[in-house]
Amino acid sequence: MENSTAPKPGGSGRKRRVSMADVARRAGVSSQTVSRVANGHPGVVESTRQHVLAAMRELGYRPNSAARALKRGEFRTIGVILFSLATTGNVRTLEAIATSAADEGYAVTLLPVAAPTQDGVRGAFTRLGELAVDAVIVIMEVHLLDAGTVSLPPGVQVAVADSDAGKRYSVVDTDQAGGSRDAVAHLLDLGHRTVWHVAGPAESFAAERRASAWRRTLTEAGREVPPLVRGDWSAESGYRAGLRLADEPGCTAVFAANDQMALGLLRALHERGRRVPGDISVVGFDDIPEAASFLPPLTTVHQDFAEVGRRLVHSVLRQMRTDTTERGTTLVPTRLVIRASTAPPPPDG
């Protein structure tokens, strides 16, 4: 029975659980009427509803959400599995998921994975069976979700961000390739002979797609493809890459796979006396809120993290409500934001 707590009669100071029957007696109605009010069912006269709600407040009665979930067959909770809160993209996507879920009347349960390994992923999915969740959203950056060892509790619907699992699940992702093409094309249109690339970690789907699009865009334009410089999403790795690129005589344009690495790159170029954009143009990816405050303000690819989060939530809710399993990938468009970090190459470039 749904219940809460209230002072126990007799002055002992201890509390006992307040039952639906207690509320019914206080309000002078049936327990069934109390149940209908507690669960928000229609068909209760408004004056009766208010009388029952007043009795609930007086007794300190709170409906038991778990009991109601069992009756309804749902918990109104979405689980989110992710590896890291250290990246801007993950944090902003998670924020959008939580906001969109709340707008739909759902809570979010976070299931962090300690290590990006198959065991870590399998453990997170296994924990889903112990939690009261109706659906799960997976934010993956590594090539682990396609493994056959990953299994889901029955009846739990899935949507995935930033993955290559469209044949098994519903995937929502930023148009990584399209954004990268726009970044490289912008630099080529300015007159640069080629574009160097500071890539994200090799195990990341986003980094892989951005690097592939960079390489393909240069190849299709008939331009030389410089050696890829590997980073790890951090500003420090961008700084190290910048120290190397500052010594490359033919480097006049760099596409960094995220804004944090672009920030480190700008610092390194400044320390080495290379002007941006006078000597070297720089483009980032993400359009973090601080990008417009970089020195110089950063030209970058804008990702709509809020839209990604909304579409992920709507995907799992649509699957739940229609009792169907969706597959395939939905891409959220990007747009290039041109600021002061890009310009035509120097005359001798």
Protein backbone atom coordinates (compact mmCIF):
# COMPACT_ATOMS: atom_id res chain seq x y z
CA MET A 1 0.00 0.00 0.00
CA GLU A 2 1.21 3.52 -0.74
CA ASN A 3 2.16 5.26 2.44
CA SER A 4 4.30 7.81 4.22
CA THR A 5 5.10 8.62 7.84
CA ALA A 6 3.39 10.61 10.58
CA PRO A 7 3.65 10.94 14.38
CA LYS A 8 2.42 7.84 16.11
CA PRO A 9 -0.52 8.44 18.49
CA GLY A 10 0.34 8.06 22.17
CA GLY A 11 3.09 10.68 22.47
CA SER A 12 6.00 8.27 21.97
CA GLY A 13 7.63 10.65 19.47
CA ARG A 14 8.18 7.77 17.07
CA LYS A 15 6.69 7.90 13.63
CA ARG A 16 4.51 5.37 11.89
CA ARG A 17 3.67 5.12 8.26
CA VAL A 18 0.60 7.02 7.17
CA SER A 19 -1.63 4.90 5.00
CA MET A 20 -4.08 5.72 2.29
CA ALA A 21 -6.79 4.57 4.69
CA ASP A 22 -5.68 7.25 7.18
CA VAL A 23 -6.15 9.91 4.53
CA ALA A 24 -9.51 8.45 3.56
CA ARG A 25 -10.73 8.60 7.17
CA ARG A 26 -9.52 12.19 7.60
CA ALA A 27 -11.16 13.29 4.35
CA GLY A 28 -14.31 11.19 4.82
CA VAL A 29 -13.95 9.45 1.48
CA SER A 30 -13.07 5.97 0.25
CA SER A 31 -9.50 4.71 -0.18
CA GLN A 32 -10.27 4.33 -3.87
CA THR A 33 -10.99 8.06 -4.11
CA VAL A 34 -7.71 8.83 -2.35
CA SER A 35 -5.91 6.57 -4.82
CA ARG A 36 -7.50 8.33 -7.77
CA VAL A 37 -6.46 11.73 -6.42
CA ALA A 38 -2.92 10.53 -5.66
CA ASN A 39 -2.50 9.18 -9.18
CA GLY A 40 -4.03 12.21 -10.88
CA HIS A 41 -6.94 10.32 -12.39
CA PRO A 42 -9.84 12.31 -13.84
CA GLY A 43 -13.40 11.87 -12.68
CA VAL A 44 -12.98 13.21 -9.15
CA VAL A 45 -15.13 16.21 -8.23
CA GLU A 46 -12.83 19.20 -7.76
CA SER A 47 -14.09 20.03 -4.28
CA THR A 48 -13.47 16.40 -3.23
CA ARG A 49 -10.01 16.47 -4.79
CA GLN A 50 -9.09 19.60 -2.83
CA HIS A 51 -10.48 18.07 0.38
CA VAL A 52 -8.35 14.94 -0.11
CA LEU A 53 -5.25 16.99 -0.92
CA ALA A 54 -5.77 19.01 2.26
CA ALA A 55 -5.98 15.77 4.28
CA MET A 56 -2.75 14.56 2.68
CA ARG A 57 -1.00 17.77 3.69
CA GLU A 58 -2.32 17.65 7.25
CA LEU A 59 -1.14 14.07 7.77
CA GLY A 60 2.13 14.48 5.85
CA TYR A 61 1.14 11.76 3.41
CA ARG A 62 3.26 11.36 0.29
CA PRO A 63 2.34 8.84 -2.43
CA ASN A 64 4.96 6.17 -2.93
CA SER A 65 6.29 6.68 -6.45
CA ALA A 66 7.72 3.16 -6.65
CA ALA A 67 4.37 1.62 -5.82
CA ARG A 68 2.68 3.80 -8.39
CA ALA A 69 5.30 2.82 -10.94
CA LEU A 70 4.55 -0.86 -10.40
CA LYS A 71 0.86 -0.20 -10.95
CA ARG A 72 1.49 1.85 -14.10
CA GLY A 73 4.23 -0.43 -15.38
CA GLU A 74 6.71 2.45 -15.68
CA PHE A 75 9.11 4.37 -13.43
CA ARG A 76 9.27 7.67 -15.36
CA THR A 77 13.06 7.54 -15.14
CA ILE A 78 15.67 7.47 -17.91
CA GLY A 79 19.11 6.03 -17.26
CA VAL A 80 22.15 7.71 -18.83
CA ILE A 81 25.36 5.71 -19.32
CA LEU A 82 28.47 7.74 -20.09
CA PHE A 83 32.22 7.51 -19.68
CA SER A 84 33.27 11.01 -18.77
CA LEU A 85 32.03 14.37 -17.55
CA ALA A 86 35.39 15.92 -18.43
CA THR A 87 34.48 16.84 -22.01
CA THR A 88 32.37 19.85 -22.94
CA GLY A 89 30.24 17.82 -25.33
CA ASN A 90 29.26 15.21 -22.74
CA VAL A 91 28.37 17.79 -20.10
CA ARG A 92 26.26 19.88 -22.44
CA THR A 93 24.52 16.84 -23.92
CA LEU A 94 23.76 15.53 -20.43
CA GLU A 95 22.36 18.91 -19.40
CA ALA A 96 20.08 18.91 -22.44
CA ILE A 97 18.94 15.35 -21.71
CA ALA A 98 18.08 16.22 -18.10
CA THR A 99 16.17 19.35 -19.13
CA SER A 100 14.24 17.61 -21.91
CA ALA A 101 13.41 14.65 -19.65
CA ALA A 102 12.13 16.97 -16.92
CA ASP A 103 9.93 18.76 -19.46
CA GLU A 104 8.35 15.37 -20.20
CA GLY A 105 7.92 14.53 -16.51
CA TYR A 106 10.88 12.12 -16.30
CA ALA A 107 13.86 12.00 -13.98
CA VAL A 108 17.41 11.02 -14.99
CA THR A 109 19.62 8.42 -13.30
CA LEU A 110 23.32 8.69 -14.13
CA LEU A 111 25.37 5.50 -14.59
CA PRO A 112 29.01 6.53 -15.01
CA VAL A 113 31.45 3.99 -16.42
CA ALA A 114 34.75 4.12 -14.55
CA ALA A 115 36.89 2.88 -17.44
CA PRO A 116 36.25 2.78 -21.21
CA THR A 117 36.61 -0.99 -21.42
CA GLN A 118 34.30 -3.79 -22.49
CA ASP A 119 33.96 -4.90 -18.86
CA GLY A 120 33.05 -1.38 -17.82
CA VAL A 121 30.35 -1.10 -20.48
CA ARG A 122 28.99 -4.57 -19.71
CA GLY A 123 28.88 -3.73 -15.99
CA ALA A 124 26.92 -0.53 -16.61
CA PHE A 125 24.35 -2.34 -18.73
CA THR A 126 24.10 -5.07 -16.12
CA ARG A 127 23.35 -2.47 -13.42
CA LEU A 128 20.38 -1.32 -15.47
CA GLY A 129 18.59 -4.50 -14.41
CA GLU A 130 18.91 -3.42 -10.77
CA LEU A 131 17.58 0.10 -11.33
CA ALA A 132 14.08 1.42 -11.86
CA VAL A 133 14.51 2.87 -15.36
CA ASP A 134 12.19 2.77 -18.35
CA ALA A 135 14.83 3.58 -20.97
CA VAL A 136 18.53 4.29 -21.34
CA ILE A 137 20.54 6.85 -23.27
CA VAL A 138 24.17 5.93 -23.94
CA ILE A 139 26.80 8.61 -24.56
CA MET A 140 29.69 6.71 -26.11
CA GLU A 141 32.98 7.91 -27.57
CA VAL A 142 34.70 4.57 -27.99
CA HIS A 143 34.21 1.46 -30.10
CA LEU A 144 32.64 -0.76 -27.47
CA LEU A 145 28.88 -0.58 -27.89
CA ASP A 146 28.71 -2.96 -30.85
CA ALA A 147 30.12 -5.90 -28.89
CA GLY A 148 27.78 -8.85 -28.65
CA THR A 149 28.36 -9.18 -24.91
CA VAL A 150 26.31 -6.04 -24.19
CA SER A 151 22.74 -6.95 -23.23
CA LEU A 152 19.76 -4.99 -21.99
CA PRO A 153 17.05 -5.76 -19.47
CA PRO A 154 13.81 -6.72 -21.25
CA GLY A 155 11.55 -3.82 -22.13
CA VAL A 156 14.21 -1.10 -21.78
CA GLN A 157 14.40 1.13 -24.84
CA VAL A 158 17.69 2.64 -26.01
CA ALA A 159 19.04 5.70 -27.80
CA VAL A 160 22.72 6.36 -28.33
CA ALA A 161 24.76 9.54 -28.83
CA ASP A 162 28.04 9.71 -30.73
CA SER A 163 28.33 6.09 -31.82
CA ASP A 164 28.34 3.85 -34.85
CA ALA A 165 25.60 1.57 -33.52
CA GLY A 166 22.81 2.60 -35.88
CA LYS A 167 22.20 -0.99 -37.02
CA ARG A 168 21.32 -2.04 -33.46
CA TYR A 169 19.96 1.11 -31.81
CA SER A 170 18.57 4.55 -32.45
CA VAL A 171 21.56 6.91 -32.76
CA VAL A 172 21.50 10.72 -32.59
CA ASP A 173 24.72 12.49 -33.50
CA THR A 174 26.10 15.81 -34.63
CA ASP A 175 26.93 15.94 -38.34
CA GLN A 176 30.63 15.54 -37.60
CA ALA A 177 31.63 15.09 -41.23
CA GLY A 178 29.60 18.01 -42.50
CA GLY A 179 30.99 20.37 -39.87
CA SER A 180 34.56 19.29 -40.63
CA ARG A 181 34.05 19.76 -44.37
CA ASP A 182 32.81 23.30 -43.76
CA ALA A 183 35.84 24.10 -41.59
CA VAL A 184 38.37 22.83 -44.13
CA ALA A 185 36.53 24.36 -47.09
CA HIS A 186 36.47 27.74 -45.34
CA LEU A 187 40.26 27.70 -44.99
CA LEU A 188 40.80 26.56 -48.57
CA ASP A 189 38.43 29.26 -49.84
CA LEU A 190 40.55 31.84 -48.02
CA GLY A 191 43.47 30.76 -50.19
CA HIS A 192 45.41 28.34 -47.98
CA ARG A 193 47.19 25.62 -49.96
CA THR A 194 46.36 22.94 -47.41
CA VAL A 195 45.10 22.50 -43.85
CA TRP A 196 46.82 20.72 -40.97
CA HIS A 197 44.68 18.83 -38.47
CA VAL A 198 44.95 18.35 -34.70
CA ALA A 199 42.75 15.29 -34.13
CA GLY A 200 41.09 13.91 -31.02
CA PRO A 201 41.92 10.50 -29.53
CA ALA A 202 41.99 7.56 -31.92
CA GLU A 203 39.29 5.61 -30.02
CA SER A 204 36.72 8.42 -30.37
CA PHE A 205 34.00 8.13 -33.01
CA ALA A 206 33.73 11.93 -33.23
CA ALA A 207 37.48 12.34 -33.68
CA GLU A 208 37.52 9.60 -36.32
CA ARG A 209 34.71 11.19 -38.34
CA ARG A 210 36.25 14.67 -38.16
CA ALA A 211 39.66 13.42 -39.22
CA SER A 212 38.20 11.36 -42.08
CA ALA A 213 36.24 14.34 -43.37
CA TRP A 214 39.34 16.58 -43.14
CA ARG A 215 41.38 14.11 -45.17
CA ARG A 216 38.61 13.50 -47.72
CA THR A 217 37.96 17.22 -48.26
CA LEU A 218 41.63 17.90 -48.98
CA THR A 219 41.88 14.88 -51.29
CA GLU A 220 38.78 15.87 -53.27
CA ALA A 221 40.20 19.38 -53.66
CA GLY A 222 43.47 17.94 -54.99
CA ARG A 223 45.49 19.28 -52.06
CA GLU A 224 48.34 17.72 -50.15
CA VAL A 225 47.27 15.94 -46.94
CA PRO A 226 49.73 16.82 -44.15
CA PRO A 227 50.58 14.34 -41.38
CA LEU A 228 47.83 14.15 -38.77
CA VAL A 229 48.75 15.49 -35.32
CA ARG A 230 47.07 13.55 -32.50
CA GLY A 231 45.64 15.18 -29.35
CA ASP A 232 43.36 14.01 -26.54
CA TRP A 233 40.71 16.79 -26.47
CA SER A 234 42.62 18.74 -23.77
CA ALA A 235 44.05 22.25 -24.11
CA GLU A 236 47.41 20.84 -23.02
CA SER A 237 47.50 18.43 -25.96
CA GLY A 238 46.59 21.33 -28.27
CA TYR A 239 49.47 23.30 -26.78
CA ARG A 240 51.92 20.48 -27.51
CA ALA A 241 50.58 20.23 -31.06
CA GLY A 242 50.95 23.98 -31.48
CA LEU A 243 54.62 23.88 -30.48
CA ARG A 244 55.19 21.34 -33.22
CA LEU A 245 53.16 23.13 -35.89
CA ALA A 246 54.78 26.48 -35.13
CA ASP A 247 58.00 25.01 -36.56
CA GLU A 248 56.35 23.74 -39.77
CA PRO A 249 57.32 26.28 -42.45
CA GLY A 250 54.44 25.35 -44.75
CA CYS A 251 51.73 25.45 -42.07
CA THR A 252 49.39 28.41 -42.60
CA ALA A 253 46.08 26.86 -41.50
CA VAL A 254 45.06 24.41 -38.76
CA PHE A 255 41.73 22.71 -38.08
CA ALA A 256 41.57 21.57 -34.44
CA ALA A 257 39.04 18.84 -33.63
CA ASN A 258 37.69 20.76 -30.62
CA ASP A 259 37.86 24.23 -29.13
CA GLN A 260 39.88 23.22 -26.08
CA MET A 261 42.72 21.96 -28.24
CA ALA A 262 42.41 25.11 -30.36
CA LEU A 263 42.87 27.16 -27.17
CA GLY A 264 46.14 25.38 -26.37
CA LEU A 265 47.19 25.76 -29.99
CA LEU A 266 46.66 29.53 -29.86
CA ARG A 267 48.81 29.80 -26.76
CA ALA A 268 51.66 27.80 -28.29
CA LEU A 269 51.62 29.82 -31.51
CA HIS A 270 51.66 33.07 -29.52
CA GLU A 271 54.64 31.91 -27.47
CA ARG A 272 56.50 31.00 -30.65
CA GLY A 273 55.83 34.41 -32.19
CA ARG A 274 53.42 33.11 -34.83
CA ARG A 275 50.54 35.56 -35.39
CA VAL A 276 46.96 34.31 -35.61
CA PRO A 277 45.57 34.80 -38.18
CA GLY A 278 48.41 36.81 -39.78
CA ASP A 279 50.74 33.81 -40.04
CA ILE A 280 48.48 30.87 -39.23
CA SER A 281 44.67 30.60 -39.29
CA VAL A 282 42.94 28.38 -36.72
CA VAL A 283 39.48 26.77 -36.74
CA GLY A 284 37.99 24.78 -33.84
CA PHE A 285 34.97 22.56 -33.36
CA ASP A 286 32.19 22.80 -30.70
CA ASP A 287 31.63 26.56 -30.32
CA ILE A 288 31.93 26.49 -26.55
CA PRO A 289 30.61 29.62 -24.80
CA GLU A 290 34.16 30.90 -24.25
CA ALA A 291 35.17 30.59 -27.92
CA ALA A 292 34.15 34.17 -28.69
CA SER A 293 36.44 35.35 -25.86
CA PHE A 294 39.60 33.60 -27.08
CA LEU A 295 42.40 35.86 -28.33
CA PRO A 296 41.66 36.18 -31.16
CA PRO A 297 37.97 35.14 -31.07
CA LEU A 298 37.83 31.63 -32.51
CA THR A 299 36.29 30.61 -35.81
CA THR A 300 34.65 27.28 -35.03
CA VAL A 301 31.98 24.74 -35.92
CA HIS A 302 28.86 25.13 -33.79
CA GLN A 303 27.29 21.97 -32.38
CA ASP A 304 23.68 22.08 -31.20
CA PHE A 305 24.07 19.97 -28.05
CA ALA A 306 20.61 20.99 -26.83
CA GLU A 307 19.00 19.58 -29.97
CA VAL A 308 20.99 16.34 -29.67
CA GLY A 309 19.76 15.94 -26.07
CA ARG A 310 16.15 16.66 -27.05
CA ARG A 311 16.20 14.16 -29.89
CA LEU A 312 17.71 11.46 -27.70
CA VAL A 313 14.96 11.88 -25.10
CA HIS A 314 12.22 12.03 -27.71
CA SER A 315 13.60 8.88 -29.36
CA VAL A 316 13.41 6.74 -26.22
CA LEU A 317 10.01 8.14 -25.25
CA ARG A 318 8.63 7.49 -28.73
CA GLN A 319 9.89 3.90 -28.57
CA MET A 320 8.31 3.44 -25.14
CA ARG A 321 4.96 4.89 -26.15
CA THR A 322 4.71 2.92 -29.39
CA ASP A 323 6.36 -0.23 -28.00
CA THR A 324 8.73 -0.36 -30.96
CA THR A 325 12.49 -0.50 -31.35
CA GLU A 326 14.04 2.17 -33.56
CA ARG A 327 17.29 1.79 -35.47
CA GLY A 328 19.32 4.08 -37.66
CA THR A 329 21.19 7.38 -37.26
CA THR A 330 19.80 10.90 -37.09
CA LEU A 331 22.28 13.72 -37.75
CA VAL A 332 21.88 17.15 -36.19
CA PRO A 333 23.23 19.87 -38.52
CA THR A 334 26.20 22.08 -37.62
CA ARG A 335 27.09 25.59 -38.75
CA LEU A 336 30.39 27.39 -39.17
CA VAL A 337 30.79 30.48 -36.97
CA ILE A 338 33.39 32.77 -38.55
CA ARG A 339 35.31 34.99 -36.15
CA ALA A 340 38.74 36.62 -36.13
CA SER A 341 41.07 33.59 -36.02
CA THR A 342 40.94 32.98 -39.79
CA ALA A 343 42.17 35.08 -42.71
CA PRO A 344 43.92 34.64 -46.06
CA PRO A 345 47.47 33.25 -45.82
CA PRO A 346 50.47 35.56 -45.73
CA PRO A 347 51.73 36.63 -49.19
CA ASP A 348 54.55 34.10 -49.12
CA GLY A 349 52.29 31.29 -47.80
